[in-house]
């Protein structure tokens, strides 16, 4: 049931989109097709990403009030949690919006992985194509004549790690500091999560990217660059405003 849904909702649309753009691109470059598909996906997700950025800006705005709640209910974690979520509801802040955006990308990455892992290219299976998608005359597996999209790429893996680190820095803002006198268990947990998100996660994603077909890290790099642009331009639009 799940595999059938994944095949119909994720695998087939990605496969057909790639085949379509391979046929349209003059050089039949599968890497360029991956970039075009990535941009289309990011444009579809843009309204959700915009809300996530707005929510991040709102969370930064209520940060001083969150700190006051932490101090007020320092020894009462349950009341602290209730007060924090009450503040989030009052200010219409969704602290999980960025996480939801990340989750939505995972099926697309898995779809790309399976397309190349199952030998979807350079041979094209006409039985998997929609009626309006033609079989391309050729499929160029080397992105810009340099990177084999079906193989591993240390260059793209490093780019994934770098762009992920830049995006995380932009989305999370400057790293906060916690003095020893005011540090609590929740503060230490938050600090630990902050460090892992900024430094550990990009490295992990970069390492994983090296062991999969280069099409997946190319998608991730393009997606990160798109989101970096979003953070700069959309975030700037909300900068200095009272976000509601």
Protein backbone atom coordinates (compact mmCIF):
# COMPACT_ATOMS: atom_id res chain seq x y z
CA UNK A 1 0.00 0.00 0.00
CA UNK A 2 2.69 2.49 1.05
CA UNK A 3 5.05 1.41 -1.75
CA UNK A 4 2.24 1.73 -4.32
CA UNK A 5 1.38 5.22 -3.07
CA UNK A 6 5.06 6.23 -3.12
CA UNK A 7 5.39 4.89 -6.67
CA UNK A 8 2.31 6.78 -7.91
CA UNK A 9 2.68 10.03 -5.96
CA UNK A 10 6.47 10.48 -5.83
CA UNK A 11 8.43 8.13 -8.09
CA UNK A 12 6.42 8.42 -11.30
CA UNK A 13 6.02 12.25 -11.24
CA UNK A 14 9.77 12.72 -10.60
CA UNK A 15 10.72 10.20 -13.28
CA UNK A 16 8.40 11.73 -15.86
CA UNK A 17 9.48 15.28 -15.03
CA UNK A 18 13.14 14.33 -15.45
CA UNK A 19 12.48 12.54 -18.75
CA UNK A 20 10.43 15.49 -20.03
CA UNK A 21 13.12 18.07 -19.26
CA UNK A 22 15.92 15.83 -20.56
CA UNK A 23 14.05 15.83 -23.86
CA UNK A 24 13.51 19.62 -23.76
CA UNK A 25 17.07 20.65 -22.78
CA UNK A 26 19.20 20.97 -25.98
CA UNK A 27 22.15 19.09 -24.45
CA UNK A 28 19.86 16.41 -22.92
CA UNK A 29 21.77 16.97 -19.66
CA UNK A 30 20.15 15.01 -16.83
CA UNK A 31 21.85 17.31 -14.29
CA UNK A 32 20.15 20.38 -15.75
CA UNK A 33 16.86 18.46 -15.66
CA UNK A 34 17.41 17.77 -11.95
CA UNK A 35 18.01 21.50 -11.32
CA UNK A 36 14.84 22.48 -13.22
CA UNK A 37 12.76 19.92 -11.29
CA UNK A 38 14.27 21.18 -8.01
CA UNK A 39 13.34 24.78 -8.79
CA UNK A 40 9.79 23.72 -9.66
CA UNK A 41 9.51 21.82 -6.36
CA UNK A 42 10.84 24.83 -4.43
CA UNK A 43 8.35 27.15 -6.16
CA UNK A 44 5.51 24.79 -5.20
CA UNK A 45 6.76 24.76 -1.60
CA UNK A 46 7.38 28.52 -1.55
CA UNK A 47 4.12 29.48 0.27
CA UNK A 48 4.97 27.03 3.05
CA UNK A 49 8.60 28.23 3.13
CA UNK A 50 7.41 31.84 3.32
CA UNK A 51 5.25 31.00 6.35
CA UNK A 52 8.20 29.16 7.92
CA UNK A 53 10.45 32.21 7.53
CA UNK A 54 7.74 34.46 8.94
CA UNK A 55 7.37 32.07 11.88
CA UNK A 56 11.15 32.10 12.46
CA UNK A 57 11.14 35.90 12.54
CA UNK A 58 8.22 35.81 15.00
CA UNK A 59 10.08 33.34 17.22
CA UNK A 60 13.06 35.69 17.33
CA UNK A 61 10.70 38.53 18.29
CA UNK A 62 9.22 36.60 21.23
CA UNK A 63 12.61 35.25 22.39
CA UNK A 64 12.87 37.75 25.31
CA UNK A 65 9.42 36.69 26.55
CA UNK A 66 10.40 33.03 26.25
CA UNK A 67 13.44 33.73 28.43
CA UNK A 68 11.19 35.39 31.02
CA UNK A 69 8.92 32.32 31.03
CA UNK A 70 11.94 30.07 31.52
CA UNK A 71 13.06 32.12 34.52
CA UNK A 72 9.56 32.37 35.99
CA UNK A 73 8.89 28.63 35.78
CA UNK A 74 12.49 27.46 36.20
CA UNK A 75 11.51 24.67 38.61
CA UNK A 76 8.17 23.85 36.99
CA UNK A 77 8.86 22.34 33.54
CA UNK A 78 5.24 21.40 32.82
CA UNK A 79 3.95 24.91 33.54
CA UNK A 80 6.88 26.32 31.57
CA UNK A 81 5.89 24.25 28.54
CA UNK A 82 2.24 25.26 28.79
CA UNK A 83 3.15 28.95 29.10
CA UNK A 84 5.49 28.77 26.11
CA UNK A 85 2.92 27.11 23.85
CA UNK A 86 0.26 29.56 25.04
CA UNK A 87 2.56 32.40 23.95
CA UNK A 88 3.15 30.69 20.59
CA UNK A 89 -0.62 30.39 20.07
CA UNK A 90 -1.20 34.00 21.07
CA UNK A 91 1.45 35.26 18.62
CA UNK A 92 0.48 32.67 15.97
CA UNK A 93 3.96 31.18 15.93
CA UNK A 94 4.54 27.64 14.67
CA UNK A 95 7.92 26.42 15.98
CA UNK A 96 7.67 23.26 13.85
CA UNK A 97 7.10 24.89 10.46
CA UNK A 98 10.75 24.54 9.40
CA UNK A 99 10.77 20.87 10.42
CA UNK A 100 7.64 20.22 8.33
CA UNK A 101 9.34 21.80 5.32
CA UNK A 102 12.31 19.47 5.78
CA UNK A 103 10.03 16.42 6.05
CA UNK A 104 8.30 17.28 2.77
CA UNK A 105 11.65 17.12 0.97
CA UNK A 106 12.53 13.62 2.15
CA UNK A 107 10.12 11.76 -0.18
CA UNK A 108 11.50 13.76 -3.13
CA UNK A 109 15.07 12.83 -2.20
CA UNK A 110 14.04 9.18 -1.84
CA UNK A 111 12.29 9.38 -5.21
CA UNK A 112 15.42 10.75 -6.88
CA UNK A 113 17.52 8.08 -5.21
CA UNK A 114 15.28 5.27 -6.45
CA UNK A 115 15.09 6.69 -9.97
CA UNK A 116 18.85 6.38 -10.33
CA UNK A 117 19.37 3.37 -8.06
CA UNK A 118 16.92 1.31 -10.12
CA UNK A 119 18.62 2.22 -13.38
CA UNK A 120 16.03 4.73 -14.58
CA UNK A 121 18.72 6.43 -16.68
CA UNK A 122 20.29 6.52 -19.23
CA UNK A 123 17.87 3.84 -20.49
CA UNK A 124 14.29 5.18 -20.37
CA UNK A 125 11.36 2.87 -19.67
CA UNK A 126 8.47 3.97 -21.95
CA UNK A 127 5.99 1.97 -19.86
CA UNK A 128 6.49 4.38 -16.95
CA UNK A 129 5.90 7.53 -18.99
CA UNK A 130 2.73 9.58 -19.04
CA UNK A 131 1.03 9.86 -22.43
CA UNK A 132 2.29 13.44 -22.99
CA UNK A 133 5.94 12.69 -22.12
CA UNK A 134 8.04 11.67 -25.16
CA UNK A 135 11.02 9.35 -25.02
CA UNK A 136 14.14 11.55 -25.41
CA UNK A 137 16.48 10.83 -28.30
CA UNK A 138 19.45 10.81 -25.92
CA UNK A 139 20.28 11.11 -22.22
CA UNK A 140 23.50 12.86 -21.20
CA UNK A 141 24.41 11.48 -17.76
CA UNK A 142 27.33 13.89 -17.22
CA UNK A 143 26.25 17.19 -15.70
CA UNK A 144 27.97 19.97 -17.68
CA UNK A 145 30.20 17.23 -19.07
CA UNK A 146 31.91 16.85 -15.67
CA UNK A 147 29.88 14.94 -13.05
CA UNK A 148 28.28 11.54 -13.62
CA UNK A 149 24.77 11.84 -12.18
CA UNK A 150 24.57 8.10 -11.59
CA UNK A 151 27.84 7.94 -9.64
CA UNK A 152 29.33 9.47 -6.51
CA UNK A 153 30.64 13.04 -6.33
CA UNK A 154 32.85 14.32 -3.52
CA UNK A 155 32.53 17.83 -4.98
CA UNK A 156 28.74 17.86 -4.67
CA UNK A 157 28.90 16.24 -1.22
CA UNK A 158 31.15 19.07 0.02
CA UNK A 159 28.84 21.66 -1.58
CA UNK A 160 25.88 20.06 0.19
CA UNK A 161 27.62 20.42 3.57
CA UNK A 162 28.67 24.04 2.89
CA UNK A 163 25.30 25.23 1.59
CA UNK A 164 23.45 23.42 4.40
CA UNK A 165 25.67 25.15 6.98
CA UNK A 166 25.06 28.56 5.36
CA UNK A 167 21.30 28.00 5.20
CA UNK A 168 21.17 26.83 8.82
CA UNK A 169 23.13 29.90 9.93
CA UNK A 170 20.76 32.23 8.08
CA UNK A 171 17.57 30.52 9.26
CA UNK A 172 18.62 30.14 12.91
CA UNK A 173 20.40 33.49 13.26
CA UNK A 174 23.48 34.21 15.41
CA UNK A 175 24.35 31.58 17.98
CA UNK A 176 23.19 32.57 21.46
CA UNK A 177 25.30 32.30 24.57
CA UNK A 178 24.26 30.87 27.93
CA UNK A 179 26.12 31.85 31.05
CA UNK A 180 26.85 29.20 33.66
CA UNK A 181 24.76 30.96 36.29
CA UNK A 182 21.58 31.00 34.23
CA UNK A 183 21.98 27.67 32.46
CA UNK A 184 19.25 25.09 33.10
CA UNK A 185 18.66 21.61 31.73
CA UNK A 186 16.34 22.95 29.02
CA UNK A 187 18.89 25.64 28.14
CA UNK A 188 21.62 23.03 27.81
CA UNK A 189 19.35 20.89 25.62
CA UNK A 190 18.59 23.89 23.42
CA UNK A 191 22.28 24.71 23.17
CA UNK A 192 23.09 21.09 22.27
CA UNK A 193 20.42 21.08 19.55
CA UNK A 194 21.71 24.41 18.24
CA UNK A 195 25.28 23.08 17.94
CA UNK A 196 24.15 19.86 16.26
CA UNK A 197 21.95 21.70 13.77
CA UNK A 198 24.71 24.19 12.89
CA UNK A 199 27.75 21.93 12.74
CA UNK A 200 26.88 18.23 12.98
CA UNK A 201 23.87 18.05 10.65
CA UNK A 202 25.62 19.65 7.63
CA UNK A 203 28.53 17.21 7.99
CA UNK A 204 26.19 14.22 8.30
CA UNK A 205 24.18 15.29 5.25
CA UNK A 206 27.42 15.85 3.32
CA UNK A 207 28.75 12.38 4.20
CA UNK A 208 25.48 10.68 3.27
CA UNK A 209 25.43 12.65 0.00
CA UNK A 210 28.73 11.12 -1.03
CA UNK A 211 27.33 7.58 -0.87
CA UNK A 212 24.29 8.14 -3.11
CA UNK A 213 23.89 8.94 -6.79
CA UNK A 214 25.06 12.50 -7.55
CA UNK A 215 21.56 13.51 -8.64
CA UNK A 216 20.39 13.57 -5.00
CA UNK A 217 23.14 15.93 -3.70
CA UNK A 218 22.65 18.10 -6.80
CA UNK A 219 18.99 18.42 -5.82
CA UNK A 220 20.00 19.25 -2.23
CA UNK A 221 22.59 21.87 -3.28
CA UNK A 222 20.11 23.56 -5.64
CA UNK A 223 17.41 23.45 -2.96
CA UNK A 224 19.77 24.94 -0.36
CA UNK A 225 20.80 27.76 -2.72
CA UNK A 226 17.14 28.49 -3.41
CA UNK A 227 16.35 28.58 0.34
CA UNK A 228 19.39 30.78 1.04
CA UNK A 229 17.97 33.26 -1.49
CA UNK A 230 14.58 32.97 0.22
CA UNK A 231 16.07 33.69 3.63
CA UNK A 232 17.93 36.74 2.31
CA UNK A 233 15.09 38.33 0.33
CA UNK A 234 11.93 37.12 2.10
CA UNK A 235 13.54 37.43 5.53
CA UNK A 236 14.68 40.96 4.72
CA UNK A 237 11.09 41.81 3.83
CA UNK A 238 9.98 40.91 7.38
CA UNK A 239 13.09 42.35 9.05
CA UNK A 240 12.26 45.18 11.41
CA UNK A 241 8.52 44.55 11.18
CA UNK A 242 6.18 43.45 13.93
CA UNK A 243 5.34 39.95 12.70
CA UNK A 244 1.87 38.70 13.64
